[in-house]
N, C-alpha and C. Protein backbone atom coordinates (compact mmCIF):
# COMPACT_ATOMS: atom_id res chain seq x y z
N MET A 1 0.76 -1.22 -0.06
CA MET A 1 0.30 0.13 0.11
C MET A 1 0.93 1.30 0.21
N ASN A 2 0.44 2.18 -0.69
CA ASN A 2 1.36 3.20 -0.86
C ASN A 2 1.26 4.23 0.46
N ARG A 3 2.15 5.18 0.70
CA ARG A 3 2.30 6.29 1.83
C ARG A 3 0.83 6.86 2.06
N ILE A 4 0.30 7.50 1.20
CA ILE A 4 -0.88 8.46 1.24
C ILE A 4 -1.95 7.40 1.54
N SER A 5 -2.19 6.37 1.20
CA SER A 5 -3.50 5.48 1.61
C SER A 5 -3.23 5.37 2.91
N VAL A 6 -2.05 4.82 3.35
CA VAL A 6 -1.92 4.45 4.67
C VAL A 6 -2.02 5.84 5.62
N ILE A 7 -1.54 6.90 5.47
CA ILE A 7 -1.90 8.28 5.90
C ILE A 7 -3.59 8.49 6.20
N GLY A 8 -4.01 8.40 5.01
CA GLY A 8 -5.49 8.60 5.01
C GLY A 8 -6.33 7.76 5.68
N GLY A 9 -5.79 6.31 5.65
CA GLY A 9 -6.68 5.60 6.53
C GLY A 9 -6.41 5.59 7.98
N LEU A 10 -5.19 5.95 8.35
CA LEU A 10 -4.92 6.34 9.84
C LEU A 10 -5.75 7.24 10.33
N LEU A 11 -5.62 8.50 9.50
CA LEU A 11 -6.35 9.88 10.07
C LEU A 11 -7.94 9.45 10.18
N LYS A 12 -8.53 8.67 8.98
CA LYS A 12 -9.60 8.09 9.19
C LYS A 12 -10.11 7.54 10.75
N LYS A 13 -9.30 6.25 11.06
CA LYS A 13 -9.54 5.47 11.88
C LYS A 13 -9.12 6.38 13.25
N ILE A 14 -8.04 7.41 13.32
CA ILE A 14 -8.13 8.03 14.82
C ILE A 14 -9.28 9.25 14.65
N TYR A 15 -9.95 9.46 13.72
CA TYR A 15 -11.04 10.50 13.76
C TYR A 15 -12.20 9.53 14.28
N ARG A 16 -12.33 8.38 13.70
CA ARG A 16 -13.59 7.76 14.19
C ARG A 16 -13.33 7.04 15.54
N MET A 17 -12.29 6.88 16.08
CA MET A 17 -11.91 6.68 17.69
C MET A 17 -12.33 7.79 18.18
N TYR A 18 -11.68 8.90 17.99
CA TYR A 18 -12.07 10.37 18.79
C TYR A 18 -13.74 10.47 18.90
N ALA A 19 -14.29 10.33 17.75
CA ALA A 19 -15.58 10.67 17.63
C ALA A 19 -16.48 9.90 18.27
N GLN A 20 -16.05 8.31 18.44
CA GLN A 20 -16.71 7.24 19.48
C GLN A 20 -16.44 7.63 20.74
N GLU A 21 -15.32 7.99 21.23
CA GLU A 21 -14.95 8.59 22.35
C GLU A 21 -15.79 9.75 23.05
N LEU A 22 -15.57 10.70 22.09
CA LEU A 22 -16.43 11.83 22.39
C LEU A 22 -18.08 11.48 22.70
N LEU A 23 -18.47 10.74 21.73
CA LEU A 23 -20.13 10.79 21.77
C LEU A 23 -20.34 9.81 23.08
N GLY A 24 -19.55 8.84 23.22
CA GLY A 24 -19.45 8.09 24.69
C GLY A 24 -19.49 8.93 25.79
N GLN A 25 -18.52 9.78 25.88
CA GLN A 25 -18.81 10.80 27.14
C GLN A 25 -19.89 11.55 27.19
N LEU A 26 -20.39 12.09 26.21
CA LEU A 26 -21.57 12.97 26.06
C LEU A 26 -22.60 12.16 26.40
N GLN A 27 -22.76 10.82 26.10
CA GLN A 27 -23.98 10.08 26.23
C GLN A 27 -24.02 9.65 27.77
N GLN A 28 -22.97 9.85 28.36
CA GLN A 28 -22.73 9.45 29.48
C GLN A 28 -23.28 10.78 30.67
N LYS A 29 -22.96 11.77 29.70
CA LYS A 29 -23.63 13.20 30.52
C LYS A 29 -24.95 13.50 30.19
N GLY A 30 -25.71 12.54 29.56
CA GLY A 30 -27.16 13.03 29.46
C GLY A 30 -27.56 13.15 27.95
N PHE A 31 -26.47 13.22 26.88
CA PHE A 31 -26.73 13.43 25.74
C PHE A 31 -26.93 12.33 24.65
N THR A 32 -27.90 11.49 24.76
CA THR A 32 -27.95 10.46 24.12
C THR A 32 -28.64 10.37 22.87
N ASP A 33 -28.99 11.28 22.41
CA ASP A 33 -29.77 11.54 21.07
C ASP A 33 -29.11 11.94 19.94
N LEU A 34 -27.71 12.05 20.08
CA LEU A 34 -26.99 12.80 19.00
C LEU A 34 -26.00 11.36 17.92
N ARG A 35 -25.89 11.74 16.92
CA ARG A 35 -25.07 10.63 15.97
C ARG A 35 -23.70 11.29 15.88
N PRO A 36 -22.88 10.40 15.51
CA PRO A 36 -21.35 11.10 15.25
C PRO A 36 -21.29 12.13 14.21
N SER A 37 -22.09 12.25 13.22
CA SER A 37 -22.02 13.11 12.12
C SER A 37 -22.51 14.51 12.73
N PHE A 38 -23.33 14.66 14.06
CA PHE A 38 -23.83 15.74 14.45
C PHE A 38 -22.74 16.52 15.12
N LEU A 39 -21.76 16.05 15.69
CA LEU A 39 -20.77 16.19 16.46
C LEU A 39 -20.09 17.39 15.77
N GLU A 40 -19.37 17.05 14.76
CA GLU A 40 -18.77 18.23 13.99
C GLU A 40 -19.73 19.45 13.87
N VAL A 41 -20.74 19.40 13.40
CA VAL A 41 -21.59 20.56 13.20
C VAL A 41 -21.95 21.43 14.75
N LEU A 42 -22.20 20.46 15.78
CA LEU A 42 -22.40 21.36 16.81
C LEU A 42 -21.12 21.96 17.43
N LEU A 43 -19.90 21.20 17.29
CA LEU A 43 -18.65 22.01 17.54
C LEU A 43 -18.36 23.13 16.87
N PHE A 44 -18.48 23.31 15.57
CA PHE A 44 -18.16 24.32 14.94
C PHE A 44 -19.14 25.39 15.11
N ILE A 45 -20.23 25.24 15.59
CA ILE A 45 -21.60 26.15 16.26
C ILE A 45 -21.10 26.73 17.44
N SER A 46 -20.56 25.66 18.29
CA SER A 46 -19.94 26.10 19.68
C SER A 46 -19.06 27.03 19.77
N GLU A 47 -18.11 26.89 18.65
CA GLU A 47 -16.91 27.54 18.62
C GLU A 47 -16.93 28.86 17.75
N ASN A 48 -18.12 29.21 16.99
CA ASN A 48 -18.39 30.13 16.27
C ASN A 48 -19.68 30.96 16.49
N GLU A 49 -19.63 32.02 17.10
CA GLU A 49 -21.01 32.64 17.71
C GLU A 49 -21.62 32.69 16.36
N GLY A 50 -22.99 32.25 16.51
CA GLY A 50 -23.94 32.73 15.36
C GLY A 50 -23.50 32.84 13.67
N PRO A 51 -23.00 31.35 13.48
CA PRO A 51 -22.47 31.25 12.16
C PRO A 51 -23.57 31.58 11.23
N SER A 52 -23.37 31.63 9.66
CA SER A 52 -24.43 31.54 8.98
C SER A 52 -24.32 30.11 8.28
N ILE A 53 -25.62 29.63 7.77
CA ILE A 53 -25.65 28.28 7.45
C ILE A 53 -24.78 28.10 6.48
N LYS A 54 -24.26 28.88 5.70
CA LYS A 54 -23.45 28.45 4.63
C LYS A 54 -21.65 28.35 5.29
N GLN A 55 -21.57 29.26 6.43
CA GLN A 55 -20.53 29.07 7.18
C GLN A 55 -20.18 27.68 7.85
N VAL A 56 -21.42 27.43 8.35
CA VAL A 56 -21.38 26.10 9.06
C VAL A 56 -20.98 24.96 8.10
N GLY A 57 -21.72 24.92 6.78
CA GLY A 57 -21.30 23.94 5.88
C GLY A 57 -20.01 24.15 5.39
N GLN A 58 -19.23 25.27 4.93
CA GLN A 58 -17.82 25.41 4.78
C GLN A 58 -17.30 25.03 5.71
N GLY A 59 -17.43 25.23 6.95
CA GLY A 59 -16.60 24.86 8.13
C GLY A 59 -16.60 23.44 8.48
N CYS A 60 -17.71 22.78 8.17
CA CYS A 60 -17.58 21.28 8.33
C CYS A 60 -17.47 20.37 7.05
N GLY A 61 -17.17 21.33 5.75
CA GLY A 61 -17.11 20.35 4.51
C GLY A 61 -18.55 19.61 4.41
N LEU A 62 -19.31 20.12 4.60
CA LEU A 62 -20.56 19.41 4.02
C LEU A 62 -21.38 20.09 2.94
N LYS A 63 -22.01 19.23 1.99
CA LYS A 63 -22.74 19.77 1.08
C LYS A 63 -24.17 20.42 1.64
N LYS A 64 -24.41 21.21 0.99
CA LYS A 64 -26.01 21.91 1.52
C LYS A 64 -26.97 20.89 1.68
N GLN A 65 -27.14 19.99 1.04
CA GLN A 65 -28.39 18.89 1.34
C GLN A 65 -28.04 18.31 2.51
N THR A 66 -26.95 17.89 2.94
CA THR A 66 -26.57 17.32 4.21
C THR A 66 -26.45 18.23 5.19
N MET A 67 -25.93 19.42 5.16
CA MET A 67 -26.00 20.46 5.85
C MET A 67 -27.51 20.89 6.57
N THR A 68 -28.34 21.00 5.66
CA THR A 68 -29.95 21.25 5.90
C THR A 68 -30.36 20.23 6.57
N SER A 69 -30.09 18.85 6.48
CA SER A 69 -30.78 17.65 7.09
C SER A 69 -30.17 17.90 8.28
N HIS A 70 -29.01 18.02 8.84
CA HIS A 70 -28.25 18.03 9.92
C HIS A 70 -28.86 19.28 10.94
N LEU A 71 -28.98 20.16 10.26
CA LEU A 71 -29.61 21.32 10.93
C LEU A 71 -31.06 21.23 11.33
N ASN A 72 -31.87 20.51 10.44
CA ASN A 72 -33.29 20.12 10.74
C ASN A 72 -33.30 19.32 11.86
N GLU A 73 -32.63 18.36 11.83
CA GLU A 73 -32.33 17.31 13.04
C GLU A 73 -32.18 17.93 14.14
N LEU A 74 -30.95 18.82 14.28
CA LEU A 74 -30.49 19.48 15.41
C LEU A 74 -31.51 20.52 15.92
N GLU A 75 -32.19 21.05 14.95
CA GLU A 75 -33.23 22.09 15.62
C GLU A 75 -34.57 21.39 16.03
N ASN A 76 -34.99 19.99 15.56
CA ASN A 76 -35.92 19.33 16.05
C ASN A 76 -35.54 18.72 17.42
N ARG A 77 -34.21 18.85 17.76
CA ARG A 77 -34.05 17.89 18.93
C ARG A 77 -33.61 18.80 20.08
N GLY A 78 -33.79 20.21 19.52
CA GLY A 78 -33.54 21.41 20.61
C GLY A 78 -32.23 21.88 20.81
N TYR A 79 -31.26 21.65 19.95
CA TYR A 79 -29.80 22.14 20.13
C TYR A 79 -29.78 23.33 19.53
N ILE A 80 -30.26 23.68 18.42
CA ILE A 80 -30.15 24.92 17.65
C ILE A 80 -31.41 25.51 17.32
N GLU A 81 -31.45 27.08 16.89
CA GLU A 81 -32.20 27.35 16.24
C GLU A 81 -31.78 28.54 15.06
N ARG A 82 -32.56 28.65 14.11
CA ARG A 82 -32.16 29.42 13.17
C ARG A 82 -32.76 30.83 13.35
N ARG A 83 -32.05 31.81 13.04
CA ARG A 83 -32.53 33.35 13.32
C ARG A 83 -32.19 33.86 11.73
N LEU A 84 -33.09 35.08 11.46
CA LEU A 84 -32.80 35.77 10.15
C LEU A 84 -31.73 36.77 10.68
N ASN A 85 -30.81 37.11 9.84
CA ASN A 85 -29.56 38.00 10.09
C ASN A 85 -30.18 39.44 10.00
N PRO A 86 -30.18 40.24 10.89
CA PRO A 86 -30.89 41.38 11.17
C PRO A 86 -30.24 42.52 10.07
N SER A 87 -29.11 42.26 9.59
CA SER A 87 -28.50 43.10 8.82
C SER A 87 -28.74 42.66 7.15
N ASP A 88 -29.14 41.41 7.18
CA ASP A 88 -29.28 40.81 5.72
C ASP A 88 -30.46 39.82 5.96
N ARG A 89 -31.72 40.16 5.52
CA ARG A 89 -32.69 39.35 6.20
C ARG A 89 -32.77 38.15 5.17
N ARG A 90 -31.80 38.13 4.12
CA ARG A 90 -31.53 36.70 3.21
C ARG A 90 -31.13 35.61 3.80
N GLU A 91 -30.42 35.93 4.94
CA GLU A 91 -29.51 35.07 5.54
C GLU A 91 -29.74 34.32 6.81
N GLN A 92 -29.95 33.54 7.07
CA GLN A 92 -30.02 32.91 8.38
C GLN A 92 -28.65 32.61 9.17
N LYS A 93 -28.78 32.88 10.57
CA LYS A 93 -27.61 32.49 11.43
C LYS A 93 -28.25 31.39 12.21
N VAL A 94 -27.12 30.69 12.83
CA VAL A 94 -27.42 29.10 13.56
C VAL A 94 -27.04 29.52 14.87
N HIS A 95 -27.76 29.43 15.95
CA HIS A 95 -27.67 29.85 17.33
C HIS A 95 -27.79 28.58 18.21
N LEU A 96 -27.19 28.36 19.35
CA LEU A 96 -27.30 27.51 20.19
C LEU A 96 -28.69 27.87 21.17
N THR A 97 -29.45 27.04 21.61
CA THR A 97 -30.58 27.07 22.22
C THR A 97 -30.11 27.13 23.72
N ASP A 98 -31.09 27.15 24.72
CA ASP A 98 -30.53 27.11 26.26
C ASP A 98 -29.80 25.65 25.95
N TYR A 99 -30.63 24.61 25.62
CA TYR A 99 -30.36 23.35 25.86
C TYR A 99 -29.06 23.17 25.08
N GLY A 100 -28.67 23.71 23.89
CA GLY A 100 -27.48 23.50 23.23
C GLY A 100 -26.27 24.26 23.92
N GLU A 101 -26.62 25.29 24.95
CA GLU A 101 -25.31 25.89 25.50
C GLU A 101 -25.35 25.13 26.71
N LYS A 102 -26.06 24.10 27.20
CA LYS A 102 -25.66 23.17 28.21
C LYS A 102 -24.76 21.87 27.71
N PHE A 103 -25.41 21.70 26.40
CA PHE A 103 -24.56 20.83 25.61
C PHE A 103 -23.11 21.22 25.38
N LYS A 104 -22.98 22.46 25.03
CA LYS A 104 -21.71 22.95 24.69
C LYS A 104 -20.79 22.89 25.80
N LEU A 105 -21.23 23.24 27.09
CA LEU A 105 -20.44 22.99 28.27
C LEU A 105 -19.85 21.35 28.21
N ALA A 106 -20.82 20.60 28.22
CA ALA A 106 -20.48 19.15 28.19
C ALA A 106 -19.32 18.86 27.32
N LEU A 107 -19.56 19.46 26.22
CA LEU A 107 -19.00 19.17 24.93
C LEU A 107 -17.24 19.47 25.30
N MET A 108 -17.29 20.80 25.79
CA MET A 108 -16.12 21.51 25.96
C MET A 108 -15.19 20.42 26.85
N GLU A 109 -16.07 20.14 28.20
CA GLU A 109 -15.70 19.37 29.11
C GLU A 109 -15.18 18.06 28.66
N SER A 110 -15.75 17.34 27.85
CA SER A 110 -15.49 16.25 27.40
C SER A 110 -14.06 16.17 26.26
N VAL A 111 -13.95 17.29 25.50
CA VAL A 111 -12.95 17.48 24.68
C VAL A 111 -11.69 17.94 25.70
N ARG A 112 -11.95 18.34 26.70
CA ARG A 112 -10.57 18.55 27.41
C ARG A 112 -10.21 17.50 28.11
N GLU A 113 -11.02 16.54 28.67
CA GLU A 113 -10.89 15.12 29.18
C GLU A 113 -10.15 14.14 28.17
N ILE A 114 -10.68 14.21 26.99
CA ILE A 114 -9.90 13.63 25.89
C ILE A 114 -8.33 14.02 25.44
N GLU A 115 -8.41 15.22 25.38
CA GLU A 115 -7.22 15.96 25.04
C GLU A 115 -6.19 15.24 26.25
N THR A 116 -6.41 15.68 27.55
CA THR A 116 -5.90 15.15 28.68
C THR A 116 -5.31 13.63 28.33
N ASN A 117 -6.54 12.96 28.06
CA ASN A 117 -5.99 11.54 27.95
C ASN A 117 -5.04 11.19 26.73
N TYR A 118 -5.29 11.94 25.72
CA TYR A 118 -4.31 11.62 24.74
C TYR A 118 -2.94 12.36 24.82
N GLU A 119 -2.78 13.45 25.72
CA GLU A 119 -1.53 13.83 26.40
C GLU A 119 -0.76 12.72 27.13
N HIS A 120 -1.71 12.27 27.83
CA HIS A 120 -0.92 10.83 28.65
C HIS A 120 -0.54 9.88 28.05
N LEU A 121 -1.35 9.57 26.81
CA LEU A 121 -1.11 8.51 25.82
C LEU A 121 0.32 8.69 25.12
N VAL A 122 0.56 9.94 24.47
CA VAL A 122 1.59 10.29 23.48
C VAL A 122 2.67 11.51 24.19
N GLY A 123 2.06 12.16 25.17
CA GLY A 123 2.88 13.18 25.53
C GLY A 123 2.57 14.29 25.07
N ASP A 124 2.46 15.48 25.66
CA ASP A 124 2.48 16.97 25.17
C ASP A 124 3.09 17.38 24.01
N VAL A 125 4.16 17.09 23.92
CA VAL A 125 5.30 17.55 22.94
C VAL A 125 4.87 16.79 21.78
N GLU A 126 4.63 15.80 21.83
CA GLU A 126 4.06 14.64 20.66
C GLU A 126 2.88 15.10 20.00
N LEU A 127 1.80 15.48 21.08
CA LEU A 127 0.62 16.13 20.43
C LEU A 127 0.80 17.38 19.84
N ASP A 128 1.51 17.94 20.38
CA ASP A 128 1.66 19.31 19.73
C ASP A 128 2.35 19.23 18.20
N ARG A 129 3.42 18.33 18.23
CA ARG A 129 4.20 18.13 16.91
C ARG A 129 3.10 17.53 16.11
N ILE A 130 2.25 16.65 16.18
CA ILE A 130 1.17 15.91 15.46
C ILE A 130 -0.08 17.18 15.16
N GLU A 131 -0.28 18.23 15.69
CA GLU A 131 -1.19 19.10 15.27
C GLU A 131 -0.55 20.06 14.46
N HIS A 132 0.86 20.40 14.75
CA HIS A 132 1.50 21.23 13.72
C HIS A 132 1.63 20.64 12.42
N THR A 133 2.08 19.15 12.34
CA THR A 133 2.35 18.80 11.10
C THR A 133 1.05 18.49 10.30
N LEU A 134 -0.19 18.20 10.70
CA LEU A 134 -1.37 18.08 10.17
C LEU A 134 -1.89 19.28 9.57
N LYS A 135 -1.74 20.42 10.68
CA LYS A 135 -2.10 21.84 10.28
C LYS A 135 -1.35 22.32 8.83
N ASN A 136 0.16 22.22 9.21
CA ASN A 136 0.89 22.26 8.00
C ASN A 136 0.37 21.54 6.50
N PHE A 137 0.27 20.43 6.72
CA PHE A 137 0.02 19.51 5.67
C PHE A 137 -1.42 19.96 5.05
N TYR A 138 -2.71 20.35 5.84
CA TYR A 138 -3.87 20.68 5.28
C TYR A 138 -3.66 21.90 4.75
N GLU A 139 -2.84 23.15 5.39
CA GLU A 139 -2.75 24.25 4.71
C GLU A 139 -2.27 24.22 3.39
N ARG A 140 -1.12 23.11 3.06
CA ARG A 140 -0.56 23.07 1.71
C ARG A 140 -1.49 22.68 0.80
N LEU A 141 -2.42 21.60 1.26
CA LEU A 141 -3.40 20.93 0.51
C LEU A 141 -4.30 21.99 -0.07
N ASP A 142 -4.79 22.82 1.08
CA ASP A 142 -5.71 23.80 0.76
C ASP A 142 -5.24 24.83 -0.33
N LYS A 143 -4.02 25.26 -0.17
CA LYS A 143 -3.47 26.22 -0.89
C LYS A 143 -3.32 25.79 -2.49
N LYS A 144 -3.06 24.46 -2.53
CA LYS A 144 -2.81 23.64 -3.89
C LYS A 144 -4.37 23.70 -4.64
N ALA A 145 -5.43 23.20 -3.66
CA ALA A 145 -6.45 23.31 -4.15
C ALA A 145 -7.07 24.52 -4.66
N GLY A 146 -6.67 25.68 -3.71
CA GLY A 146 -7.26 27.07 -4.47
C GLY A 146 -6.53 27.41 -5.69
N GLU A 147 -5.42 27.03 -5.84
CA GLU A 147 -4.52 27.50 -7.04
C GLU A 147 -5.12 26.70 -8.46
N LEU A 148 -5.47 25.42 -8.00
CA LEU A 148 -6.10 24.49 -9.10
C LEU A 148 -7.83 24.75 -9.38
N ASP A 149 -8.21 25.63 -8.55
CA ASP A 149 -9.80 26.12 -8.44
C ASP A 149 -10.58 24.76 -8.21
N LEU A 150 -10.03 23.98 -7.11
CA LEU A 150 -10.80 22.78 -6.74
C LEU A 150 -11.67 23.02 -5.64
N GLY A 151 -11.62 24.39 -5.17
CA GLY A 151 -12.49 24.72 -4.03
C GLY A 151 -11.42 24.16 -2.86
N PRO A 152 -12.15 24.55 -1.56
CA PRO A 152 -11.39 24.14 -0.39
C PRO A 152 -11.16 22.95 -0.24
N ALA A 153 -9.93 22.38 0.14
CA ALA A 153 -9.59 20.92 0.97
C ALA A 153 -10.56 20.97 2.06
N LEU A 154 -11.49 19.89 1.85
CA LEU A 154 -12.48 19.53 3.08
C LEU A 154 -11.80 18.87 4.02
């Protein structure tokens, strides 16, 4: 198998393990109605105050149809609400509800716990190096995609 296939496979496996661990912790904290695919969307909304629907889709690398489906589900479950942008009524902004804010606290606590576990597993310096290497690799891919007019790297 070639190197890039191995790297891609490992990144996918690491992400799945992380998402499963995060979902498990959130379920223990009472948030039992979520799927792994919702976590990335909720994390993005939690880290960005009132993003537009387009910003959420771009930030999560999701197509419009998938994004709309996820937002509908999260709204039905009480995590988010969509509001018209007062300065541009054609645009909707996504906000956490009170329940979503409670989820955000549990989410951030769980992410900190997982990060601590990973630091114990590989060490703080190694975790920093992994983060730096992956950011650098992503930025180069994203730049190349822009130069080739392929859109942002997802």
